N, C-alpha and C. Protein backbone atom coordinates (compact mmCIF):
# COMPACT_ATOMS: atom_id res chain seq x y z
N MET A 1 -11.66 28.05 -15.90
CA MET A 1 -12.86 27.24 -15.96
C MET A 1 -13.59 27.39 -14.63
N PRO A 2 -14.90 27.73 -14.63
CA PRO A 2 -15.61 27.90 -13.37
C PRO A 2 -15.78 26.57 -12.68
N SER A 3 -15.71 26.63 -11.37
CA SER A 3 -15.83 25.39 -10.60
C SER A 3 -17.28 25.02 -10.42
N ASN A 4 -17.51 23.76 -10.31
CA ASN A 4 -18.85 23.23 -10.10
C ASN A 4 -19.21 23.42 -8.63
N PRO A 5 -20.36 24.04 -8.29
CA PRO A 5 -20.70 24.23 -6.88
C PRO A 5 -20.82 22.91 -6.13
N ALA A 6 -21.11 21.83 -6.85
CA ALA A 6 -21.23 20.53 -6.17
C ALA A 6 -19.88 19.98 -5.74
N ASP A 7 -18.78 20.52 -6.31
CA ASP A 7 -17.45 20.05 -5.94
C ASP A 7 -17.01 20.57 -4.59
N GLY A 8 -17.47 21.73 -4.18
CA GLY A 8 -17.06 22.32 -2.92
C GLY A 8 -18.06 22.04 -1.83
N PRO A 9 -17.70 22.35 -0.60
CA PRO A 9 -18.62 22.10 0.50
C PRO A 9 -19.79 23.07 0.48
N ALA A 10 -20.95 22.56 0.75
CA ALA A 10 -22.14 23.40 0.84
C ALA A 10 -22.15 24.10 2.17
N PRO A 11 -22.85 25.24 2.28
CA PRO A 11 -22.93 25.91 3.59
C PRO A 11 -23.49 24.96 4.64
N GLY A 12 -22.86 24.98 5.81
CA GLY A 12 -23.27 24.11 6.90
C GLY A 12 -22.72 22.70 6.79
N ARG A 13 -21.96 22.42 5.75
CA ARG A 13 -21.35 21.11 5.55
C ARG A 13 -19.90 21.16 6.01
N PRO A 14 -19.26 20.01 6.26
CA PRO A 14 -17.87 20.01 6.67
C PRO A 14 -17.01 20.75 5.65
N GLY A 15 -16.08 21.54 6.14
CA GLY A 15 -15.18 22.28 5.28
C GLY A 15 -15.69 23.67 4.97
N ALA A 16 -16.90 24.00 5.39
CA ALA A 16 -17.46 25.31 5.13
C ALA A 16 -17.47 26.16 6.38
N GLY A 17 -16.61 25.85 7.33
CA GLY A 17 -16.53 26.62 8.56
C GLY A 17 -17.61 26.26 9.56
N SER A 18 -18.26 25.12 9.41
CA SER A 18 -19.31 24.73 10.33
C SER A 18 -18.70 24.11 11.58
N ASN A 19 -19.54 23.85 12.56
CA ASN A 19 -19.09 23.26 13.82
C ASN A 19 -19.40 21.78 13.88
N ILE A 20 -19.46 21.11 12.75
CA ILE A 20 -19.76 19.68 12.73
C ILE A 20 -18.52 18.92 13.17
N PRO A 21 -18.65 18.07 14.19
CA PRO A 21 -17.46 17.36 14.68
C PRO A 21 -17.00 16.30 13.68
N ALA A 22 -15.74 15.94 13.82
CA ALA A 22 -15.17 14.90 12.97
C ALA A 22 -15.67 13.54 13.39
N GLY A 23 -15.81 12.65 12.45
CA GLY A 23 -16.20 11.28 12.72
C GLY A 23 -14.97 10.42 12.94
N PRO A 24 -15.13 9.09 12.86
CA PRO A 24 -13.98 8.22 13.03
C PRO A 24 -12.87 8.54 12.03
N ALA A 25 -11.65 8.41 12.44
CA ALA A 25 -10.46 8.67 11.62
C ALA A 25 -10.36 10.12 11.19
N GLY A 26 -11.06 11.02 11.89
CA GLY A 26 -10.95 12.44 11.60
C GLY A 26 -11.70 12.90 10.38
N VAL A 27 -12.51 12.04 9.76
CA VAL A 27 -13.27 12.43 8.58
C VAL A 27 -14.53 13.13 9.05
N PRO A 28 -14.75 14.39 8.64
CA PRO A 28 -15.95 15.10 9.10
C PRO A 28 -17.21 14.37 8.67
N MET A 29 -18.16 14.31 9.59
CA MET A 29 -19.42 13.64 9.31
C MET A 29 -20.57 14.59 9.58
N THR A 30 -21.57 14.56 8.73
CA THR A 30 -22.81 15.26 9.02
C THR A 30 -23.79 14.22 9.53
N PRO A 31 -24.78 14.64 10.31
CA PRO A 31 -25.76 13.65 10.73
C PRO A 31 -26.38 12.99 9.50
N GLY A 32 -26.30 11.68 9.46
CA GLY A 32 -26.81 10.95 8.31
C GLY A 32 -25.89 11.02 7.10
N GLY A 33 -24.71 11.60 7.28
CA GLY A 33 -23.77 11.76 6.18
C GLY A 33 -23.09 10.46 5.85
N SER A 34 -22.20 10.51 4.88
CA SER A 34 -21.54 9.31 4.41
C SER A 34 -20.05 9.51 4.42
N MET A 35 -19.29 8.52 4.93
CA MET A 35 -17.83 8.55 4.89
C MET A 35 -17.32 7.69 3.76
N GLY A 36 -18.12 7.27 2.91
CA GLY A 36 -17.76 6.29 1.91
C GLY A 36 -18.80 5.21 1.99
N GLY A 37 -18.46 4.01 1.57
CA GLY A 37 -19.45 2.95 1.59
C GLY A 37 -20.49 3.21 0.52
N PRO A 38 -21.71 2.74 0.72
CA PRO A 38 -22.73 2.97 -0.28
C PRO A 38 -22.89 4.46 -0.55
N ARG A 39 -23.03 4.78 -1.81
CA ARG A 39 -23.11 6.19 -2.22
C ARG A 39 -24.37 6.83 -1.67
N THR A 40 -24.22 8.06 -1.16
CA THR A 40 -25.35 8.78 -0.60
C THR A 40 -26.39 9.01 -1.68
N GLY A 41 -27.64 8.78 -1.35
CA GLY A 41 -28.72 9.01 -2.29
C GLY A 41 -29.03 7.81 -3.16
N HIS A 42 -28.19 6.80 -3.16
CA HIS A 42 -28.44 5.59 -3.93
C HIS A 42 -29.10 4.56 -3.04
N PRO A 43 -30.03 3.78 -3.59
CA PRO A 43 -30.67 2.75 -2.76
C PRO A 43 -29.67 1.68 -2.34
N THR A 44 -29.84 1.21 -1.13
CA THR A 44 -28.97 0.15 -0.60
C THR A 44 -29.82 -1.04 -0.22
N VAL A 45 -29.15 -2.19 -0.14
CA VAL A 45 -29.81 -3.44 0.21
C VAL A 45 -29.02 -4.09 1.34
N THR A 46 -29.73 -4.57 2.35
CA THR A 46 -29.08 -5.31 3.42
C THR A 46 -28.85 -6.74 2.95
N VAL A 47 -27.59 -7.15 2.95
CA VAL A 47 -27.26 -8.52 2.52
C VAL A 47 -26.99 -9.44 3.70
N GLY A 48 -26.96 -8.89 4.90
CA GLY A 48 -26.75 -9.72 6.07
C GLY A 48 -26.96 -8.94 7.34
N THR A 49 -27.47 -9.60 8.36
CA THR A 49 -27.65 -9.00 9.69
C THR A 49 -26.97 -9.91 10.69
N TYR A 50 -26.18 -9.32 11.58
CA TYR A 50 -25.33 -10.10 12.49
C TYR A 50 -25.47 -9.58 13.91
N ALA A 51 -25.28 -10.48 14.85
CA ALA A 51 -25.42 -10.14 16.25
C ALA A 51 -24.21 -9.40 16.80
N ASP A 52 -23.03 -9.59 16.18
CA ASP A 52 -21.83 -8.92 16.69
C ASP A 52 -21.04 -8.32 15.53
N TYR A 53 -20.24 -7.33 15.86
CA TYR A 53 -19.47 -6.61 14.86
C TYR A 53 -18.45 -7.50 14.16
N GLU A 54 -17.84 -8.41 14.90
CA GLU A 54 -16.82 -9.28 14.33
C GLU A 54 -17.37 -10.11 13.18
N SER A 55 -18.61 -10.59 13.31
CA SER A 55 -19.23 -11.38 12.23
C SER A 55 -19.45 -10.52 10.99
N ALA A 56 -19.95 -9.30 11.20
CA ALA A 56 -20.17 -8.40 10.06
C ALA A 56 -18.84 -8.03 9.41
N GLN A 57 -17.84 -7.79 10.21
CA GLN A 57 -16.51 -7.47 9.68
C GLN A 57 -15.94 -8.65 8.90
N ARG A 58 -16.16 -9.86 9.39
CA ARG A 58 -15.67 -11.06 8.71
C ARG A 58 -16.32 -11.20 7.33
N VAL A 59 -17.61 -10.85 7.23
CA VAL A 59 -18.32 -10.94 5.95
C VAL A 59 -17.74 -9.93 4.95
N VAL A 60 -17.50 -8.69 5.40
CA VAL A 60 -16.94 -7.68 4.50
C VAL A 60 -15.52 -8.09 4.09
N ASP A 61 -14.78 -8.67 5.01
CA ASP A 61 -13.44 -9.15 4.69
C ASP A 61 -13.51 -10.27 3.65
N TYR A 62 -14.49 -11.16 3.80
CA TYR A 62 -14.67 -12.23 2.82
C TYR A 62 -14.99 -11.66 1.44
N LEU A 63 -15.88 -10.65 1.40
CA LEU A 63 -16.20 -10.01 0.12
C LEU A 63 -14.94 -9.40 -0.49
N SER A 64 -14.14 -8.75 0.32
CA SER A 64 -12.91 -8.13 -0.16
C SER A 64 -11.94 -9.18 -0.70
N ASP A 65 -11.81 -10.29 0.01
CA ASP A 65 -10.92 -11.36 -0.42
C ASP A 65 -11.34 -11.97 -1.76
N ASN A 66 -12.64 -11.84 -2.07
CA ASN A 66 -13.17 -12.39 -3.31
C ASN A 66 -13.40 -11.32 -4.37
N GLN A 67 -12.62 -10.24 -4.29
CA GLN A 67 -12.58 -9.18 -5.30
C GLN A 67 -13.87 -8.39 -5.44
N PHE A 68 -14.75 -8.42 -4.41
CA PHE A 68 -15.94 -7.57 -4.45
C PHE A 68 -15.51 -6.14 -4.16
N PRO A 69 -16.05 -5.14 -4.87
CA PRO A 69 -15.66 -3.74 -4.60
C PRO A 69 -16.27 -3.26 -3.28
N VAL A 70 -15.54 -3.46 -2.19
CA VAL A 70 -16.09 -3.19 -0.86
C VAL A 70 -16.31 -1.70 -0.59
N GLU A 71 -15.87 -0.84 -1.51
CA GLU A 71 -16.17 0.58 -1.32
C GLU A 71 -17.67 0.86 -1.47
N TYR A 72 -18.44 -0.14 -1.92
CA TYR A 72 -19.89 -0.01 -2.04
C TYR A 72 -20.60 -0.68 -0.88
N THR A 73 -19.90 -0.97 0.20
CA THR A 73 -20.50 -1.62 1.37
C THR A 73 -20.40 -0.72 2.59
N ALA A 74 -21.19 -1.04 3.58
CA ALA A 74 -21.12 -0.37 4.88
C ALA A 74 -21.61 -1.34 5.95
N ILE A 75 -21.10 -1.18 7.14
CA ILE A 75 -21.60 -1.91 8.30
C ILE A 75 -22.34 -0.89 9.14
N ILE A 76 -23.61 -1.15 9.36
CA ILE A 76 -24.44 -0.20 10.09
C ILE A 76 -24.91 -0.85 11.39
N GLY A 77 -24.51 -0.26 12.51
CA GLY A 77 -24.95 -0.74 13.82
C GLY A 77 -26.22 -0.02 14.21
N THR A 78 -27.22 -0.77 14.66
CA THR A 78 -28.47 -0.17 15.11
C THR A 78 -28.75 -0.59 16.53
N ASP A 79 -29.71 0.07 17.15
CA ASP A 79 -30.06 -0.16 18.56
C ASP A 79 -28.83 0.03 19.43
N LEU A 80 -28.20 1.20 19.30
CA LEU A 80 -26.97 1.48 20.04
C LEU A 80 -27.24 1.65 21.53
N ARG A 81 -26.28 1.19 22.32
CA ARG A 81 -26.35 1.40 23.77
C ARG A 81 -24.94 1.56 24.31
N LEU A 82 -24.82 2.27 25.39
CA LEU A 82 -23.54 2.48 26.05
C LEU A 82 -23.38 1.43 27.14
N VAL A 83 -22.29 0.69 27.09
CA VAL A 83 -21.99 -0.32 28.11
C VAL A 83 -20.75 0.15 28.85
N GLU A 84 -20.90 0.35 30.14
CA GLU A 84 -19.77 0.77 30.98
C GLU A 84 -19.40 -0.37 31.90
N LYS A 85 -18.23 -0.94 31.66
CA LYS A 85 -17.74 -2.07 32.46
C LYS A 85 -16.96 -1.51 33.63
N VAL A 86 -17.41 -1.79 34.83
CA VAL A 86 -16.74 -1.32 36.04
C VAL A 86 -15.56 -2.25 36.31
N LEU A 87 -14.36 -1.67 36.39
CA LEU A 87 -13.14 -2.45 36.56
C LEU A 87 -12.75 -2.62 38.02
N GLY A 88 -13.21 -1.72 38.88
CA GLY A 88 -12.86 -1.84 40.29
C GLY A 88 -13.03 -0.53 41.02
N ARG A 89 -12.84 -0.58 42.31
CA ARG A 89 -12.96 0.60 43.16
C ARG A 89 -11.75 1.51 42.96
N MET A 90 -11.98 2.79 42.89
CA MET A 90 -10.90 3.76 42.73
C MET A 90 -10.66 4.43 44.09
N THR A 91 -9.48 4.17 44.63
CA THR A 91 -9.08 4.81 45.87
C THR A 91 -8.04 5.87 45.54
N THR A 92 -7.70 6.68 46.53
CA THR A 92 -6.68 7.70 46.32
C THR A 92 -5.34 7.04 45.99
N ALA A 93 -5.03 5.93 46.67
CA ALA A 93 -3.78 5.23 46.40
C ALA A 93 -3.75 4.67 44.97
N ARG A 94 -4.88 4.13 44.53
CA ARG A 94 -4.94 3.60 43.16
C ARG A 94 -4.83 4.71 42.12
N ALA A 95 -5.47 5.86 42.41
CA ALA A 95 -5.37 7.01 41.51
C ALA A 95 -3.93 7.51 41.45
N ALA A 96 -3.26 7.52 42.61
CA ALA A 96 -1.86 7.95 42.64
C ALA A 96 -0.98 6.99 41.85
N LEU A 97 -1.26 5.70 41.98
CA LEU A 97 -0.49 4.69 41.24
C LEU A 97 -0.68 4.84 39.73
N ALA A 98 -1.92 5.05 39.31
CA ALA A 98 -2.18 5.26 37.88
C ALA A 98 -1.52 6.53 37.39
N GLY A 99 -1.56 7.59 38.21
CA GLY A 99 -0.89 8.85 37.85
C GLY A 99 0.61 8.67 37.78
N ALA A 100 1.17 7.88 38.68
CA ALA A 100 2.61 7.63 38.67
C ALA A 100 3.03 6.90 37.40
N ALA A 101 2.22 5.94 36.98
CA ALA A 101 2.54 5.19 35.76
C ALA A 101 2.53 6.10 34.54
N SER A 102 1.48 6.92 34.39
CA SER A 102 1.45 7.80 33.21
C SER A 102 2.50 8.90 33.32
N GLY A 103 2.76 9.38 34.52
CA GLY A 103 3.80 10.38 34.71
C GLY A 103 5.19 9.84 34.41
N ALA A 104 5.41 8.56 34.77
CA ALA A 104 6.71 7.94 34.49
C ALA A 104 6.95 7.86 32.99
N TRP A 105 5.92 7.50 32.23
CA TRP A 105 6.08 7.45 30.77
C TRP A 105 6.40 8.83 30.20
N PHE A 106 5.69 9.84 30.70
CA PHE A 106 5.94 11.20 30.23
C PHE A 106 7.35 11.65 30.61
N GLY A 107 7.74 11.37 31.85
CA GLY A 107 9.08 11.73 32.31
C GLY A 107 10.16 11.01 31.52
N LEU A 108 9.92 9.75 31.20
CA LEU A 108 10.87 8.99 30.39
C LEU A 108 11.02 9.61 29.00
N LEU A 109 9.92 10.05 28.43
CA LEU A 109 9.97 10.71 27.12
C LEU A 109 10.78 12.01 27.19
N ILE A 110 10.54 12.82 28.22
CA ILE A 110 11.29 14.07 28.38
C ILE A 110 12.76 13.77 28.62
N GLY A 111 13.05 12.78 29.46
CA GLY A 111 14.45 12.40 29.69
C GLY A 111 15.12 11.93 28.42
N LEU A 112 14.41 11.18 27.61
CA LEU A 112 14.95 10.71 26.34
C LEU A 112 15.26 11.88 25.41
N LEU A 113 14.34 12.82 25.33
CA LEU A 113 14.57 14.00 24.48
C LEU A 113 15.76 14.82 24.97
N LEU A 114 15.89 15.00 26.28
CA LEU A 114 17.01 15.78 26.82
C LEU A 114 18.33 15.03 26.67
N SER A 115 18.28 13.70 26.75
CA SER A 115 19.52 12.93 26.66
C SER A 115 20.13 12.98 25.26
N ILE A 116 19.35 13.37 24.27
CA ILE A 116 19.88 13.51 22.91
C ILE A 116 20.96 14.59 22.87
N PHE A 117 20.84 15.60 23.74
CA PHE A 117 21.74 16.75 23.70
C PHE A 117 22.92 16.64 24.67
N THR A 118 23.12 15.48 25.26
CA THR A 118 24.24 15.31 26.17
C THR A 118 25.11 14.14 25.71
N VAL A 119 26.39 14.23 26.03
CA VAL A 119 27.33 13.18 25.63
C VAL A 119 27.53 12.20 26.78
N SER A 120 27.67 12.72 27.97
CA SER A 120 27.93 11.85 29.12
C SER A 120 26.72 11.85 30.05
N ALA A 121 26.56 10.79 30.77
CA ALA A 121 25.51 10.63 31.78
C ALA A 121 24.10 10.78 31.20
N TRP A 122 23.90 10.31 29.99
CA TRP A 122 22.57 10.36 29.39
C TRP A 122 21.58 9.48 30.15
N TRP A 123 22.10 8.40 30.73
CA TRP A 123 21.25 7.50 31.49
C TRP A 123 20.71 8.18 32.75
N ALA A 124 21.49 9.13 33.30
CA ALA A 124 21.03 9.86 34.49
C ALA A 124 19.83 10.74 34.15
N LEU A 125 19.84 11.33 32.95
CA LEU A 125 18.69 12.13 32.51
C LEU A 125 17.45 11.25 32.33
N LEU A 126 17.66 10.07 31.77
CA LEU A 126 16.53 9.15 31.62
C LEU A 126 15.94 8.76 32.98
N LEU A 127 16.82 8.41 33.90
CA LEU A 127 16.38 7.99 35.23
C LEU A 127 15.71 9.15 35.97
N ALA A 128 16.31 10.34 35.89
CA ALA A 128 15.73 11.51 36.56
C ALA A 128 14.35 11.84 35.98
N GLY A 129 14.23 11.79 34.66
CA GLY A 129 12.94 12.05 34.03
C GLY A 129 11.90 11.05 34.47
N LEU A 130 12.28 9.79 34.54
CA LEU A 130 11.38 8.74 34.97
C LEU A 130 10.90 8.95 36.40
N VAL A 131 11.83 9.22 37.31
CA VAL A 131 11.50 9.39 38.72
C VAL A 131 10.67 10.65 38.95
N ILE A 132 11.11 11.77 38.37
CA ILE A 132 10.38 13.02 38.57
C ILE A 132 8.98 12.92 37.96
N GLY A 133 8.88 12.32 36.78
CA GLY A 133 7.57 12.14 36.16
C GLY A 133 6.65 11.28 37.00
N ALA A 134 7.19 10.20 37.57
CA ALA A 134 6.38 9.31 38.40
C ALA A 134 5.90 10.02 39.66
N VAL A 135 6.78 10.79 40.29
CA VAL A 135 6.39 11.50 41.52
C VAL A 135 5.31 12.53 41.23
N TRP A 136 5.53 13.37 40.20
CA TRP A 136 4.53 14.39 39.87
C TRP A 136 3.23 13.75 39.40
N GLY A 137 3.31 12.66 38.65
CA GLY A 137 2.10 11.97 38.22
C GLY A 137 1.31 11.43 39.39
N ALA A 138 2.01 10.87 40.38
CA ALA A 138 1.33 10.35 41.58
C ALA A 138 0.67 11.48 42.35
N VAL A 139 1.37 12.60 42.51
CA VAL A 139 0.81 13.75 43.24
C VAL A 139 -0.44 14.25 42.53
N PHE A 140 -0.35 14.48 41.22
CA PHE A 140 -1.50 15.00 40.49
C PHE A 140 -2.64 14.00 40.42
N GLY A 141 -2.33 12.70 40.31
CA GLY A 141 -3.37 11.68 40.32
C GLY A 141 -4.13 11.66 41.63
N ALA A 142 -3.41 11.73 42.74
CA ALA A 142 -4.05 11.73 44.06
C ALA A 142 -4.88 12.99 44.26
N ILE A 143 -4.33 14.14 43.88
CA ILE A 143 -5.07 15.40 44.04
C ILE A 143 -6.33 15.40 43.18
N ALA A 144 -6.21 14.94 41.94
CA ALA A 144 -7.38 14.92 41.04
C ALA A 144 -8.48 14.01 41.60
N HIS A 145 -8.09 12.87 42.16
CA HIS A 145 -9.09 11.96 42.72
C HIS A 145 -9.72 12.56 43.97
N ALA A 146 -8.90 13.15 44.83
CA ALA A 146 -9.43 13.76 46.05
C ALA A 146 -10.37 14.93 45.72
N ALA A 147 -10.12 15.62 44.61
CA ALA A 147 -10.94 16.77 44.23
C ALA A 147 -12.35 16.36 43.79
N THR A 148 -12.56 15.09 43.47
CA THR A 148 -13.89 14.65 43.06
C THR A 148 -14.84 14.56 44.24
N GLY A 149 -14.32 14.61 45.45
CA GLY A 149 -15.16 14.61 46.64
C GLY A 149 -15.93 13.31 46.85
N GLY A 150 -15.36 12.19 46.43
CA GLY A 150 -16.01 10.90 46.66
C GLY A 150 -16.98 10.50 45.57
N GLN A 151 -17.19 11.36 44.59
CA GLN A 151 -18.06 10.99 43.48
C GLN A 151 -17.26 10.17 42.47
N ARG A 152 -17.90 9.21 41.93
CA ARG A 152 -17.30 8.33 40.92
C ARG A 152 -16.04 7.65 41.47
N ASP A 153 -16.21 6.94 42.58
CA ASP A 153 -15.12 6.21 43.21
C ASP A 153 -14.93 4.82 42.59
N PHE A 154 -14.96 4.77 41.29
CA PHE A 154 -14.71 3.50 40.61
C PHE A 154 -14.06 3.79 39.27
N ASP A 155 -13.34 2.79 38.79
CA ASP A 155 -12.68 2.87 37.49
C ASP A 155 -13.50 2.05 36.50
N SER A 156 -13.66 2.56 35.30
CA SER A 156 -14.49 1.84 34.33
C SER A 156 -13.99 2.08 32.92
N ARG A 157 -14.52 1.30 32.02
CA ARG A 157 -14.22 1.45 30.60
C ARG A 157 -15.55 1.43 29.86
N SER A 158 -15.79 2.43 29.02
CA SER A 158 -17.05 2.54 28.30
C SER A 158 -16.89 2.08 26.86
N GLN A 159 -17.98 1.55 26.34
CA GLN A 159 -17.98 1.07 24.96
C GLN A 159 -19.40 1.21 24.42
N ILE A 160 -19.51 1.65 23.17
CA ILE A 160 -20.82 1.71 22.52
C ILE A 160 -20.97 0.44 21.69
N VAL A 161 -22.04 -0.29 21.95
CA VAL A 161 -22.31 -1.52 21.21
C VAL A 161 -23.68 -1.42 20.57
N ALA A 162 -23.86 -2.15 19.49
CA ALA A 162 -25.13 -2.15 18.79
C ALA A 162 -25.86 -3.46 19.05
N GLY A 163 -27.18 -3.40 18.95
CA GLY A 163 -27.98 -4.60 19.11
C GLY A 163 -27.83 -5.53 17.91
N ARG A 164 -27.60 -4.93 16.74
CA ARG A 164 -27.37 -5.74 15.54
C ARG A 164 -26.54 -4.92 14.56
N TYR A 165 -25.88 -5.63 13.65
CA TYR A 165 -25.03 -5.01 12.64
C TYR A 165 -25.49 -5.47 11.26
N ASP A 166 -25.89 -4.52 10.43
CA ASP A 166 -26.32 -4.84 9.07
C ASP A 166 -25.19 -4.55 8.11
N VAL A 167 -24.95 -5.49 7.19
CA VAL A 167 -24.02 -5.25 6.09
C VAL A 167 -24.88 -4.85 4.90
N VAL A 168 -24.69 -3.63 4.42
CA VAL A 168 -25.47 -3.12 3.31
C VAL A 168 -24.55 -2.83 2.13
N VAL A 169 -25.09 -2.98 0.94
CA VAL A 169 -24.36 -2.67 -0.29
C VAL A 169 -25.28 -1.87 -1.21
N ASP A 170 -24.69 -1.18 -2.17
CA ASP A 170 -25.49 -0.50 -3.19
C ASP A 170 -26.40 -1.52 -3.85
N ALA A 171 -27.61 -1.11 -4.17
CA ALA A 171 -28.60 -2.03 -4.75
C ALA A 171 -28.10 -2.67 -6.03
N ASP A 172 -27.34 -1.92 -6.84
CA ASP A 172 -26.88 -2.49 -8.11
C ASP A 172 -25.73 -3.50 -7.91
N ARG A 173 -25.20 -3.63 -6.71
CA ARG A 173 -24.15 -4.61 -6.42
C ARG A 173 -24.65 -5.73 -5.51
N ALA A 174 -25.91 -5.67 -5.10
CA ALA A 174 -26.43 -6.60 -4.11
C ALA A 174 -26.42 -8.05 -4.60
N GLU A 175 -26.77 -8.27 -5.85
CA GLU A 175 -26.83 -9.64 -6.36
C GLU A 175 -25.44 -10.28 -6.36
N GLN A 176 -24.43 -9.50 -6.75
CA GLN A 176 -23.05 -10.00 -6.73
C GLN A 176 -22.63 -10.35 -5.31
N ALA A 177 -22.96 -9.48 -4.35
CA ALA A 177 -22.60 -9.73 -2.95
C ALA A 177 -23.31 -10.97 -2.42
N ARG A 178 -24.61 -11.11 -2.73
CA ARG A 178 -25.35 -12.28 -2.26
C ARG A 178 -24.79 -13.57 -2.85
N HIS A 179 -24.41 -13.51 -4.13
CA HIS A 179 -23.83 -14.69 -4.77
C HIS A 179 -22.54 -15.12 -4.06
N LEU A 180 -21.67 -14.13 -3.77
CA LEU A 180 -20.42 -14.44 -3.08
C LEU A 180 -20.69 -14.98 -1.67
N LEU A 181 -21.65 -14.37 -0.98
CA LEU A 181 -21.92 -14.78 0.39
C LEU A 181 -22.61 -16.15 0.46
N SER A 182 -23.30 -16.53 -0.61
CA SER A 182 -23.91 -17.86 -0.62
C SER A 182 -22.84 -18.94 -0.63
N ARG A 183 -21.67 -18.63 -1.20
CA ARG A 183 -20.55 -19.58 -1.18
C ARG A 183 -19.91 -19.66 0.20
N LEU A 184 -20.09 -18.61 1.01
CA LEU A 184 -19.55 -18.64 2.37
C LEU A 184 -20.23 -19.75 3.16
N GLY A 185 -21.56 -19.90 2.94
CA GLY A 185 -22.29 -21.03 3.47
C GLY A 185 -22.46 -21.09 4.96
N SER A 186 -22.24 -20.01 5.68
CA SER A 186 -22.40 -20.04 7.13
C SER A 186 -23.86 -19.83 7.46
N PRO A 187 -24.53 -20.80 8.12
CA PRO A 187 -25.93 -20.63 8.43
C PRO A 187 -26.18 -19.50 9.41
N ALA A 188 -25.19 -19.14 10.21
CA ALA A 188 -25.37 -18.07 11.19
C ALA A 188 -25.03 -16.71 10.60
N SER A 189 -24.72 -16.68 9.31
CA SER A 189 -24.26 -15.43 8.73
C SER A 189 -25.36 -14.41 8.56
N GLY A 190 -26.59 -14.84 8.50
CA GLY A 190 -27.69 -13.89 8.31
C GLY A 190 -27.82 -13.44 6.88
N VAL A 191 -27.18 -14.09 5.94
CA VAL A 191 -27.22 -13.69 4.55
C VAL A 191 -28.65 -13.80 4.04
N GLY A 192 -29.04 -12.76 3.34
CA GLY A 192 -30.35 -12.78 2.71
C GLY A 192 -31.42 -12.09 3.55
N THR A 193 -31.13 -11.67 4.75
CA THR A 193 -32.12 -10.93 5.51
C THR A 193 -32.15 -9.52 5.00
N GLY A 194 -33.31 -8.95 4.92
CA GLY A 194 -33.44 -7.58 4.44
C GLY A 194 -33.59 -7.62 2.99
């Protein structure tokens, strides 16, 4: 039986040898593509707009708890911005300490793997792996920080946040979603916007 061309990936689409990067959870995404949620090409309706992701997530969870087919929903963040929270000054000593911590974990893992193959003194392998990993991690952490030449002498954590989060559903399911959300009764829920 001949296969339907719509079943396979189109040229330039994920799975066709393209260079499109994977989206969240490793699912390939095309710009404007769909990972699920409202079906691509079908009209959608915004059933709520929220100031934070947790509120939008709580609404979708509520819909799920009330047997709404949440595979027809999506949370869409708009007005994206990058927020970089500066955690503190990064010194060579602090970089070495962070390197020692990650090196110790790696060394402990190697020591654990090697200790599987020994009968006696397995604890010595664990301890040796921990110490050697910590020393090498500290050395490489300090060298890596010194190699930056004083640029970016701070530690930070980055996060992408949206200005607002819209909960959208397929148009043919919107009335059911609105009915369920009206029972939620939260005035701050944003139900009915859009």
